Amino acid sequence: MTVQVAVLGATGAVGQRLVQLLAPHSDFEIAALTASDSSAGKPYAEAADWRLDVPLPDDVAGIEVGRTDPDAVPDDVSLVFSSLPSSVGAEVEPAFAREGYVVSSNSSNGRMDDDVPLVIPEVNADHLSLLEVQRDERGWDGALLKNPNCSTITFVPTLAALADWGLQRVHVATLQAVTGAGYTGVASTEIIDNAIPHIGGEEQKLETESRKLLGDFDGGEVRHHDVGVAASCNRIPTIDGHLENLWVETDEELGVEEAKDAMSEYPSLDLQHSPDRLIHVFDDPDRPQPRLDRNREGGMAVSAGGFRPSTFGLQYNCLAHNTLRGAAGASLLNGELLLEEGYL
């Protein structure tokens, strides 16, 4: 049976990616699209100002955009994908969950709440059971699930592959594409011929979300990993694809070939949008690169390369498509996990 879904914030950058991915989906059918009051009542084709490099799906173009309110979404919708600004999501997403909707959200609000699962399916699918705790504590018939920040999603799978060596300290420097700030998030005169060595709030997200994702769920709570993570986040003039430099210190000695094998062999899942291989490993010292590698496996894979021993443990680079693997695709993959695990 096809699951009826809604997309909140459907006209934004991540919302459009969700529409792109959901339109041909075999298990999900778009039943409602919502946006701001200024867009409500308009056909989606008129409201969205479509910016992607693929055509707007014909069967979505004529859907009337509704208000972002539980009362405005059909009762037969089971799953809600949210790409709302966090200031809006903080109020709206719990309202949907109280009304019985299961919400898979890309918004940053609530990610670090004790009873909200923060999930990358290939890394910590078992954390999904925290939804039972959430429902008991909040009295919700619905539920709220989060995917992490787009930069966190890029490097945490590579750390998960190295966890058997005992993660001790991690330093990460990000080179983040402009679409991570939304279509109007960075002025052209600010970013062309430039790099901006600060992205507000990003460092803290990487440093805290990573420890929650790598933590253990004991049946009642997630015990965060004790790895120390230090991040520096930079905006660069690429369109898509976050490139990150990492220095990883482990309890046990970790060689380059061991690390490459562990990442190459790290398992993926059998969900519809799971990549066949989660982490693609390069021997080349100058890979991965955003333009060459961001679209691997439909933009859902992580790439890693530039491995070498350094003063601070193992050094390497990794890359993922920030609006596919890092945002819309991450929410969709969590939705597929919810369906497989019987939460819908």
Protein backbone atom coordinates (compact mmCIF):
# COMPACT_ATOMS: atom_id res chain seq x y z
CA MET A 1 0.00 0.00 0.00
CA THR A 2 1.30 3.45 -0.90
CA VAL A 3 1.89 5.75 2.07
CA GLN A 4 0.44 9.25 1.78
CA VAL A 5 3.00 11.93 2.71
CA ALA A 6 3.21 15.70 3.11
CA VAL A 7 6.15 18.07 2.71
CA LEU A 8 6.35 21.08 5.04
CA GLY A 9 8.35 24.00 3.66
CA ALA A 10 8.01 22.55 0.17
CA THR A 11 9.04 25.68 -1.74
CA GLY A 12 12.54 26.05 -0.22
CA ALA A 13 15.80 24.51 -1.41
CA VAL A 14 15.50 21.30 0.64
CA GLY A 15 11.73 21.15 0.12
CA GLN A 16 12.25 21.14 -3.65
CA ARG A 17 14.78 18.33 -3.33
CA LEU A 18 12.23 16.35 -1.29
CA VAL A 19 9.61 16.87 -3.99
CA GLN A 20 12.12 15.75 -6.62
CA LEU A 21 12.88 12.53 -4.72
CA LEU A 22 9.33 11.77 -3.62
CA ALA A 23 7.56 12.27 -6.96
CA PRO A 24 8.74 8.95 -8.48
CA HIS A 25 8.86 7.03 -5.17
CA SER A 26 7.23 3.59 -5.24
CA ASP A 27 6.16 3.58 -1.57
CA PHE A 28 5.32 7.25 -0.92
CA GLU A 29 2.79 9.50 -2.64
CA ILE A 30 2.70 13.28 -2.16
CA ALA A 31 -0.73 14.21 -0.80
CA ALA A 32 0.03 17.70 0.52
CA LEU A 33 2.60 20.47 0.12
CA THR A 34 2.79 23.36 2.56
CA ALA A 35 4.65 26.65 2.73
CA SER A 36 4.30 30.16 4.13
CA ASP A 37 0.98 32.02 4.10
CA SER A 38 2.15 34.04 1.09
CA SER A 39 2.40 30.82 -0.96
CA ALA A 40 -0.74 29.11 0.35
CA GLY A 41 -3.49 28.79 -2.24
CA LYS A 42 -1.14 28.88 -5.23
CA PRO A 43 -0.31 25.93 -7.51
CA TYR A 44 3.06 24.50 -6.53
CA ALA A 45 4.56 25.41 -9.93
CA GLU A 46 3.76 29.06 -9.24
CA ALA A 47 4.75 29.11 -5.59
CA ALA A 48 7.99 27.14 -5.75
CA ASP A 49 10.24 29.16 -8.11
CA TRP A 50 11.80 25.82 -9.11
CA ARG A 51 15.63 26.03 -9.04
CA LEU A 52 16.79 22.45 -9.56
CA ASP A 53 18.56 21.18 -12.67
CA VAL A 54 15.79 18.64 -13.33
CA PRO A 55 12.24 19.50 -14.49
CA LEU A 56 9.51 20.03 -11.92
CA PRO A 57 7.48 16.78 -11.89
CA ASP A 58 4.27 17.21 -13.89
CA ASP A 59 2.06 15.42 -11.37
CA VAL A 60 3.19 17.79 -8.61
CA ALA A 61 3.06 21.09 -10.49
CA GLY A 62 -0.69 21.57 -10.06
CA ILE A 63 -0.95 20.65 -6.35
CA GLU A 64 -2.33 23.58 -4.39
CA VAL A 65 0.08 24.67 -1.65
CA GLY A 66 -1.53 24.64 1.77
CA ARG A 67 -0.91 26.29 5.11
CA THR A 68 1.68 24.72 7.41
CA ASP A 69 -0.86 23.59 9.97
CA PRO A 70 -2.02 20.09 11.03
CA ASP A 71 -5.61 21.08 10.29
CA ALA A 72 -4.69 21.82 6.67
CA VAL A 73 -3.16 18.39 5.98
CA PRO A 74 -5.39 15.43 4.96
CA ASP A 75 -6.11 12.86 7.65
CA ASP A 76 -4.89 10.00 5.47
CA VAL A 77 -1.33 11.39 5.52
CA SER A 78 0.86 9.13 7.67
CA LEU A 79 4.30 10.66 7.21
CA VAL A 80 5.33 14.30 7.16
CA PHE A 81 8.70 15.48 5.83
CA SER A 82 9.79 18.80 7.28
CA SER A 83 12.31 21.24 5.81
CA LEU A 84 11.06 24.21 7.80
CA PRO A 85 13.30 26.92 9.24
CA SER A 86 14.17 25.82 12.78
CA SER A 87 12.39 28.82 14.30
CA VAL A 88 9.15 27.63 12.68
CA GLY A 89 9.79 23.91 13.09
CA ALA A 90 10.24 24.23 16.85
CA GLU A 91 6.55 25.08 17.17
CA VAL A 92 4.99 23.36 14.18
CA GLU A 93 6.63 19.92 14.24
CA PRO A 94 5.50 19.00 17.78
CA ALA A 95 1.99 20.17 16.83
CA PHE A 96 1.94 17.66 13.97
CA ALA A 97 3.28 14.88 16.23
CA ARG A 98 0.59 15.61 18.84
CA GLU A 99 -2.05 15.21 16.11
CA GLY A 100 -0.73 11.74 15.25
CA TYR A 101 1.58 12.48 12.32
CA VAL A 102 5.05 10.92 12.16
CA VAL A 103 7.51 13.68 11.27
CA SER A 104 10.87 13.08 9.57
CA SER A 105 12.61 16.42 9.89
CA ASN A 106 15.70 18.04 8.43
CA SER A 107 15.31 21.14 10.64
CA SER A 108 17.88 21.73 13.38
CA ASN A 109 15.43 22.33 16.24
CA GLY A 110 15.18 19.49 18.74
CA ARG A 111 18.04 17.41 17.37
CA MET A 112 19.76 17.23 20.74
CA ASP A 113 16.59 16.64 22.82
CA ASP A 114 17.05 13.53 24.94
CA ASP A 115 13.95 11.78 23.59
CA VAL A 116 14.33 12.73 19.90
CA PRO A 117 16.19 10.17 17.75
CA LEU A 118 18.93 11.70 15.61
CA VAL A 119 19.53 9.10 12.93
CA ILE A 120 21.73 8.20 10.00
CA PRO A 121 20.19 4.81 9.11
CA GLU A 122 23.47 3.09 8.21
CA VAL A 123 25.10 4.30 11.43
CA ASN A 124 22.55 4.13 14.26
CA ALA A 125 19.24 2.71 13.07
CA ASP A 126 18.76 1.18 16.54
CA HIS A 127 18.26 4.70 17.96
CA LEU A 128 14.86 4.68 16.24
CA SER A 129 13.55 2.74 19.26
CA LEU A 130 13.87 5.99 21.22
CA LEU A 131 10.54 6.92 19.61
CA GLU A 132 8.82 4.61 22.10
CA VAL A 133 10.35 6.61 24.96
CA GLN A 134 9.32 9.84 23.23
CA ARG A 135 5.71 8.73 22.84
CA ASP A 136 5.50 7.60 26.46
CA GLU A 137 7.00 10.79 27.84
CA ARG A 138 5.15 13.25 25.60
CA GLY A 139 1.87 11.39 25.21
CA TRP A 140 2.02 11.66 21.42
CA ASP A 141 0.29 9.35 18.97
CA GLY A 142 2.70 10.62 16.33
CA ALA A 143 6.47 10.96 16.56
CA LEU A 144 9.40 13.23 15.69
CA LEU A 145 12.61 11.95 14.07
CA LYS A 146 15.58 14.06 13.02
CA ASN A 147 18.47 13.74 10.59
CA PRO A 148 21.65 15.65 11.48
CA ASN A 149 23.31 18.68 9.95
CA CYS A 150 24.54 18.25 6.37
CA SER A 151 28.20 18.49 7.43
CA THR A 152 27.73 16.06 10.31
CA ILE A 153 26.22 13.53 7.91
CA THR A 154 29.32 13.81 5.72
CA PHE A 155 31.96 12.77 8.25
CA VAL A 156 30.16 10.63 10.85
CA PRO A 157 29.81 7.53 8.61
CA THR A 158 33.60 7.55 8.13
CA LEU A 159 34.08 7.73 11.91
CA ALA A 160 31.60 4.90 12.43
CA ALA A 161 33.73 2.76 10.12
CA LEU A 162 36.77 3.43 12.37
CA ALA A 163 34.98 2.97 15.71
CA ASP A 164 36.57 -0.44 16.41
CA TRP A 165 39.95 1.27 16.88
CA GLY A 166 38.54 3.43 19.67
CA LEU A 167 37.75 7.03 18.67
CA GLN A 168 39.59 9.41 20.95
CA ARG A 169 39.82 12.85 19.32
CA VAL A 170 38.63 14.26 16.01
CA HIS A 171 39.46 17.58 14.36
CA VAL A 172 37.36 18.51 11.32
CA ALA A 173 37.57 21.51 8.99
CA THR A 174 34.70 21.91 6.55
CA LEU A 175 34.62 23.56 3.11
CA GLN A 176 30.88 23.99 2.66
CA ALA A 177 28.98 24.73 -0.55
CA VAL A 178 26.75 27.78 -0.86
CA THR A 179 23.51 25.78 -1.16
CA GLY A 180 24.00 24.81 2.46
CA ALA A 181 22.80 28.32 3.25
CA GLY A 182 19.74 28.13 0.96
CA TYR A 183 19.30 29.79 -2.42
CA THR A 184 19.49 33.33 -1.02
CA GLY A 185 21.69 32.56 1.97
CA VAL A 186 24.99 33.97 0.68
CA ALA A 187 25.24 37.10 -1.47
CA SER A 188 27.25 36.68 -4.68
CA THR A 189 29.42 39.69 -3.84
CA GLU A 190 30.28 38.04 -0.54
CA ILE A 191 31.28 34.59 -1.77
CA ILE A 192 32.71 35.03 -5.32
CA ASP A 193 36.53 35.14 -5.19
CA ASN A 194 36.32 34.54 -1.46
CA ALA A 195 36.06 32.05 1.40
CA ILE A 196 34.20 32.82 4.62
CA PRO A 197 35.83 31.26 7.72
CA HIS A 198 32.70 31.24 9.86
CA ILE A 199 29.21 29.72 9.58
CA GLY A 200 27.06 30.67 12.54
CA GLY A 201 26.21 27.77 14.84
CA GLU A 202 27.75 25.11 12.60
CA GLU A 203 30.75 24.20 14.73
CA GLN A 204 28.59 23.37 17.74
CA LYS A 205 26.28 21.19 15.62
CA LEU A 206 29.18 19.09 14.34
CA GLU A 207 30.73 18.78 17.78
CA THR A 208 27.54 17.67 19.57
CA GLU A 209 25.49 15.84 16.94
CA SER A 210 28.40 13.53 16.08
CA ARG A 211 28.69 12.33 19.68
CA LYS A 212 24.95 11.60 19.85
CA LEU A 213 24.98 9.70 16.55
CA LEU A 214 27.95 7.56 17.63
CA GLY A 215 26.47 6.91 21.08
CA ASP A 216 24.77 3.80 22.42
CA PHE A 217 21.04 3.39 23.00
CA ASP A 218 20.45 1.42 26.20
CA GLY A 219 16.68 1.07 25.85
CA GLY A 220 15.88 4.24 27.73
CA GLU A 221 18.31 6.88 26.53
CA VAL A 222 21.22 7.53 24.18
CA ARG A 223 24.58 7.65 25.96
CA HIS A 224 26.70 10.01 23.90
CA HIS A 225 30.10 8.83 22.70
CA ASP A 226 32.98 10.31 24.68
CA VAL A 227 35.05 11.17 21.59
CA GLY A 228 36.25 14.78 21.59
CA VAL A 229 35.28 16.63 18.40
CA ALA A 230 36.59 20.08 17.41
CA ALA A 231 35.24 21.72 14.25
CA SER A 232 36.02 24.71 12.06
CA CYS A 233 33.45 25.56 9.37
CA ASN A 234 34.11 27.54 6.20
CA ARG A 235 31.92 28.60 3.27
CA ILE A 236 33.47 28.32 -0.20
CA PRO A 237 32.13 29.17 -3.70
CA THR A 238 31.07 25.68 -4.79
CA ILE A 239 27.38 25.09 -5.53
CA ASP A 240 26.86 21.61 -4.03
CA GLY A 241 29.02 19.19 -2.08
CA HIS A 242 30.60 19.67 1.33
CA LEU A 243 34.30 18.75 1.43
CA GLU A 244 35.82 18.09 4.86
CA ASN A 245 39.37 17.56 6.17
CA LEU A 246 39.72 15.25 9.19
CA TRP A 247 42.42 14.33 11.70
CA VAL A 248 41.40 11.31 13.77
CA GLU A 249 43.20 10.01 16.86
CA THR A 250 42.36 6.49 18.02
CA ASP A 251 43.12 4.38 21.09
CA GLU A 252 44.69 1.64 18.97
CA GLU A 253 47.15 2.27 16.17
CA LEU A 254 45.29 2.71 12.89
CA GLY A 255 47.07 2.34 9.56
CA VAL A 256 46.08 3.90 6.28
CA GLU A 257 45.22 0.61 4.57
CA GLU A 258 43.21 -0.55 7.58
CA ALA A 259 41.19 2.66 7.50
CA LYS A 260 40.57 2.45 3.76
CA ASP A 261 39.45 -1.18 4.03
CA ALA A 262 37.15 -0.41 6.96
CA MET A 263 35.45 2.41 5.06
CA SER A 264 35.18 0.45 1.80
CA GLU A 265 33.59 -2.47 3.62
CA TYR A 266 31.27 -0.45 5.85
CA PRO A 267 27.77 -1.83 5.20
CA SER A 268 24.92 0.00 3.54
CA LEU A 269 21.23 -0.88 3.93
CA ASP A 270 18.52 -2.25 1.66
CA LEU A 271 16.30 0.84 1.67
CA GLN A 272 15.07 2.28 -1.62
CA HIS A 273 17.43 5.27 -1.54
CA SER A 274 20.39 3.56 0.16
CA PRO A 275 23.56 3.63 -1.93
CA ASP A 276 24.94 0.25 -2.96
CA ARG A 277 28.18 1.27 -1.25
CA LEU A 278 27.94 3.90 1.47
CA ILE A 279 31.59 5.07 1.43
CA HIS A 280 33.58 5.26 -1.81
CA VAL A 281 37.32 5.26 -1.10
CA PHE A 282 39.94 6.84 -3.36
CA ASP A 283 43.65 6.10 -3.50
CA ASP A 284 44.23 9.40 -5.29
CA PRO A 285 45.57 12.13 -2.98
CA ASP A 286 43.50 14.82 -4.76
CA ARG A 287 40.10 13.15 -4.37
CA PRO A 288 37.29 13.48 -3.53
CA GLN A 289 36.34 16.75 -5.21
CA PRO A 290 32.88 18.40 -5.14
CA ARG A 291 32.38 18.70 -8.91
CA LEU A 292 33.61 15.16 -9.63
CA ASP A 293 32.22 13.17 -6.74
CA ARG A 294 29.15 14.80 -5.16
CA ASN A 295 26.65 12.91 -7.36
CA ARG A 296 27.92 9.39 -6.72
CA GLU A 297 25.03 6.93 -6.38
CA GLY A 298 22.44 9.61 -6.95
CA GLY A 299 24.13 11.91 -4.46
CA MET A 300 23.55 9.47 -1.59
CA ALA A 301 27.10 8.15 -1.13
CA VAL A 302 29.99 9.53 0.93
CA SER A 303 33.45 9.72 -0.66
CA ALA A 304 36.79 9.59 1.16
CA GLY A 305 40.42 9.98 0.09
CA GLY A 306 43.72 11.71 0.79
CA PHE A 307 44.62 9.20 3.51
CA ARG A 308 47.96 9.63 5.26
CA PRO A 309 49.43 9.31 8.73
CA SER A 310 49.93 12.67 10.43
CA THR A 311 51.14 14.17 13.70
CA PHE A 312 47.56 13.91 14.92
CA GLY A 313 46.70 10.32 14.02
CA LEU A 314 45.12 9.59 10.66
CA GLN A 315 44.38 12.38 8.18
CA TYR A 316 41.88 12.11 5.31
CA ASN A 317 39.22 14.02 3.38
CA CYS A 318 35.56 13.21 2.86
CA LEU A 319 32.72 14.60 0.77
CA ALA A 320 28.93 14.30 0.38
CA HIS A 321 26.22 16.10 -1.56
CA ASN A 322 24.82 18.52 1.00
CA THR A 323 21.21 18.82 -0.22
CA LEU A 324 20.84 15.15 -1.21
CA ARG A 325 22.76 12.93 1.24
CA GLY A 326 23.02 15.81 3.69
CA ALA A 327 19.42 17.03 3.79
CA ALA A 328 16.44 15.92 1.65
CA GLY A 329 17.86 12.48 0.94
CA ALA A 330 18.65 11.98 4.61
CA SER A 331 15.06 12.79 5.63
CA LEU A 332 13.73 10.51 2.91
CA LEU A 333 16.01 7.66 3.99
CA ASN A 334 14.78 8.09 7.56
CA GLY A 335 11.21 7.93 6.23
CA GLU A 336 12.01 4.67 4.46
CA LEU A 337 13.49 3.33 7.70
CA LEU A 338 10.33 4.32 9.59
CA LEU A 339 8.27 2.40 7.03
CA GLU A 340 10.49 -0.69 7.17
CA GLU A 341 10.45 -0.74 10.98
CA GLY A 342 6.64 -0.47 11.17
CA TYR A 343 6.26 3.07 12.54
CA LEU A 344 3.83 4.15 9.79
